[in-house]
């Protein structure tokens, strides 16, 4: 009988340690609202593009949306969800996703159309009511030669809060 009591107590201790050791995972989530100099929630609102350019990764292509008569608007919610509407002279595209800082350091965007946990990283600057994102190679795709195939591109976006 003693061994059954000892076994039950030992099992109870293991269960308690197991439950106490379980975490919801929120403390380990590298996706945070705040980065080195501002928080994503500070970006909440509607922003209009003053610059949106695409540069070919090969160096043989450049497109300036604003100079070509296009426009873009970015609507950001306090939780980092966003909608970017880009209006080209011949149509428009809408992109959605979530902005966050990874490890409170790196500005990241998880686009809804990309695989889960495959964010795109950008350089970022917030200065007053001007927000700028600059992406390195492979942060975008653009059809520079109008052949129906998108080519690798980097993107630069500057928006002002309306």
Protein backbone atom coordinates (compact mmCIF):
# COMPACT_ATOMS: atom_id res chain seq x y z
CA UNK A 1 0.00 0.00 0.00
CA UNK A 2 2.87 2.36 0.77
CA UNK A 3 4.27 2.01 -2.73
CA UNK A 4 0.88 3.03 -4.24
CA UNK A 5 0.78 6.15 -2.05
CA UNK A 6 4.38 6.97 -2.95
CA UNK A 7 3.65 6.43 -6.65
CA UNK A 8 0.55 8.65 -6.51
CA UNK A 9 2.45 11.42 -4.68
CA UNK A 10 5.33 11.21 -7.17
CA UNK A 11 2.91 11.40 -10.08
CA UNK A 12 1.14 14.37 -8.46
CA UNK A 13 4.47 16.20 -8.09
CA UNK A 14 5.28 15.56 -11.77
CA UNK A 15 1.85 16.84 -12.82
CA UNK A 16 2.30 19.99 -10.73
CA UNK A 17 5.76 20.64 -12.24
CA UNK A 18 4.40 19.97 -15.73
CA UNK A 19 1.52 22.40 -15.29
CA UNK A 20 3.72 25.03 -13.66
CA UNK A 21 6.27 24.66 -16.45
CA UNK A 22 3.71 25.21 -19.19
CA UNK A 23 3.50 28.72 -20.54
CA UNK A 24 1.06 30.22 -22.98
CA UNK A 25 4.07 31.20 -25.09
CA UNK A 26 3.34 34.91 -24.94
CA UNK A 27 6.56 35.66 -23.11
CA UNK A 28 8.60 33.96 -25.81
CA UNK A 29 6.89 35.62 -28.77
CA UNK A 30 9.53 37.59 -30.66
CA UNK A 31 6.79 39.73 -32.30
CA UNK A 32 6.44 42.94 -30.30
CA UNK A 33 4.66 46.26 -30.69
CA UNK A 34 7.60 48.46 -29.70
CA UNK A 35 10.98 48.82 -31.32
CA UNK A 36 14.06 50.88 -30.54
CA UNK A 37 12.49 54.32 -31.10
CA UNK A 38 8.70 53.96 -31.49
CA UNK A 39 5.80 51.54 -31.26
CA UNK A 40 3.71 50.15 -34.11
CA UNK A 41 0.63 51.46 -32.32
CA UNK A 42 2.09 54.98 -32.82
CA UNK A 43 1.55 54.47 -36.56
CA UNK A 44 -2.23 54.00 -36.29
CA UNK A 45 -4.05 56.07 -38.86
CA UNK A 46 -4.10 56.84 -42.56
CA UNK A 47 -0.89 57.65 -44.42
CA UNK A 48 -0.48 58.90 -48.01
CA UNK A 49 2.56 58.17 -50.13
CA UNK A 50 4.89 60.96 -51.21
CA UNK A 51 7.35 58.40 -52.61
CA UNK A 52 6.98 54.83 -53.80
CA UNK A 53 9.76 53.51 -55.98
CA UNK A 54 10.78 50.09 -57.21
CA UNK A 55 14.39 49.36 -58.18
CA UNK A 56 15.33 46.17 -60.03
CA UNK A 57 17.64 43.83 -58.11
CA UNK A 58 19.71 43.54 -61.31
CA UNK A 59 20.08 47.33 -61.42
CA UNK A 60 18.33 47.45 -64.80
CA UNK A 61 14.96 48.91 -63.98
CA UNK A 62 13.36 51.68 -61.95
CA UNK A 63 9.75 52.79 -61.48
CA UNK A 64 8.58 55.88 -59.60
CA UNK A 65 4.86 55.45 -58.92
CA UNK A 66 4.17 59.05 -57.89
CA UNK A 67 6.07 60.54 -60.87
CA UNK A 68 4.06 58.26 -63.18
CA UNK A 69 0.75 59.61 -61.84
CA UNK A 70 -0.01 56.85 -59.34
CA UNK A 71 -0.75 57.05 -55.64
CA UNK A 72 -0.71 54.90 -52.53
CA UNK A 73 -2.40 54.99 -49.15
CA UNK A 74 -1.57 52.99 -46.06
CA UNK A 75 -4.09 52.43 -43.27
CA UNK A 76 -2.61 51.03 -40.05
CA UNK A 77 -4.55 49.79 -37.03
CA UNK A 78 -3.19 49.99 -33.46
CA UNK A 79 -2.58 46.21 -33.46
CA UNK A 80 -0.30 46.48 -36.52
CA UNK A 81 -2.80 45.19 -39.09
CA UNK A 82 -2.62 47.26 -42.25
CA UNK A 83 -4.00 47.74 -45.73
CA UNK A 84 -1.80 49.26 -48.44
CA UNK A 85 -3.64 50.34 -51.58
CA UNK A 86 -1.40 51.13 -54.54
CA UNK A 87 -3.04 52.84 -57.50
CA UNK A 88 -1.09 52.55 -60.74
CA UNK A 89 -2.03 54.54 -63.85
CA UNK A 90 -3.70 51.38 -65.22
CA UNK A 91 -5.22 49.79 -62.10
CA UNK A 92 -4.72 49.15 -58.41
CA UNK A 93 -3.50 46.48 -56.01
CA UNK A 94 -4.21 46.00 -52.33
CA UNK A 95 -1.81 44.41 -49.85
CA UNK A 96 -2.69 43.42 -46.30
CA UNK A 97 -0.80 42.02 -43.36
CA UNK A 98 0.66 42.85 -39.98
CA UNK A 99 3.56 45.06 -38.96
CA UNK A 100 5.62 44.34 -35.86
CA UNK A 101 9.10 44.47 -34.42
CA UNK A 102 10.91 41.17 -34.16
CA UNK A 103 12.81 40.87 -30.89
CA UNK A 104 11.96 44.56 -30.27
CA UNK A 105 14.61 45.45 -32.86
CA UNK A 106 13.87 44.51 -36.47
CA UNK A 107 10.91 46.05 -38.33
CA UNK A 108 9.00 43.23 -40.02
CA UNK A 109 5.90 42.84 -42.14
CA UNK A 110 4.05 39.57 -42.41
CA UNK A 111 2.05 39.92 -45.63
CA UNK A 112 -1.16 37.90 -45.63
CA UNK A 113 -0.33 36.28 -48.98
CA UNK A 114 3.08 35.02 -47.78
CA UNK A 115 3.64 31.76 -45.92
CA UNK A 116 3.15 32.03 -42.12
CA UNK A 117 6.22 33.08 -40.16
CA UNK A 118 7.99 34.32 -43.32
CA UNK A 119 8.18 38.08 -42.71
CA UNK A 120 9.86 40.67 -44.90
CA UNK A 121 12.28 42.99 -43.11
CA UNK A 122 12.59 46.71 -43.82
CA UNK A 123 14.65 49.63 -42.70
CA UNK A 124 12.27 52.04 -40.98
CA UNK A 125 12.22 55.65 -39.87
CA UNK A 126 9.47 57.58 -38.10
CA UNK A 127 10.05 61.31 -37.88
CA UNK A 128 7.06 63.39 -36.82
CA UNK A 129 4.29 62.67 -39.32
CA UNK A 130 6.61 61.07 -41.90
CA UNK A 131 7.17 57.32 -41.99
CA UNK A 132 9.68 55.71 -44.32
CA UNK A 133 10.29 52.07 -45.21
CA UNK A 134 13.20 50.98 -47.35
CA UNK A 135 13.65 47.43 -48.41
CA UNK A 136 16.71 45.71 -49.67
CA UNK A 137 16.81 43.35 -52.64
CA UNK A 138 13.93 40.92 -52.89
CA UNK A 139 11.50 42.92 -50.75
CA UNK A 140 9.18 43.34 -53.75
CA UNK A 141 8.47 42.27 -57.30
CA UNK A 142 7.70 44.50 -60.25
CA UNK A 143 7.26 44.03 -64.01
CA UNK A 144 9.81 46.57 -65.24
CA UNK A 145 9.68 45.60 -68.94
CA UNK A 146 5.90 45.00 -69.22
CA UNK A 147 6.36 41.39 -70.35
CA UNK A 148 3.85 40.02 -67.83
CA UNK A 149 6.54 38.62 -65.52
CA UNK A 150 7.50 40.24 -62.26
CA UNK A 151 11.20 40.73 -61.56
CA UNK A 152 13.01 40.95 -58.24
CA UNK A 153 12.93 44.48 -56.82
CA UNK A 154 13.66 46.59 -53.79
CA UNK A 155 11.05 49.09 -52.67
CA UNK A 156 11.21 52.48 -50.97
CA UNK A 157 8.05 53.98 -49.48
CA UNK A 158 7.63 57.34 -47.80
CA UNK A 159 4.22 58.25 -46.38
CA UNK A 160 2.86 61.21 -44.45
CA UNK A 161 0.03 61.02 -41.95
CA UNK A 162 -3.20 62.61 -43.13
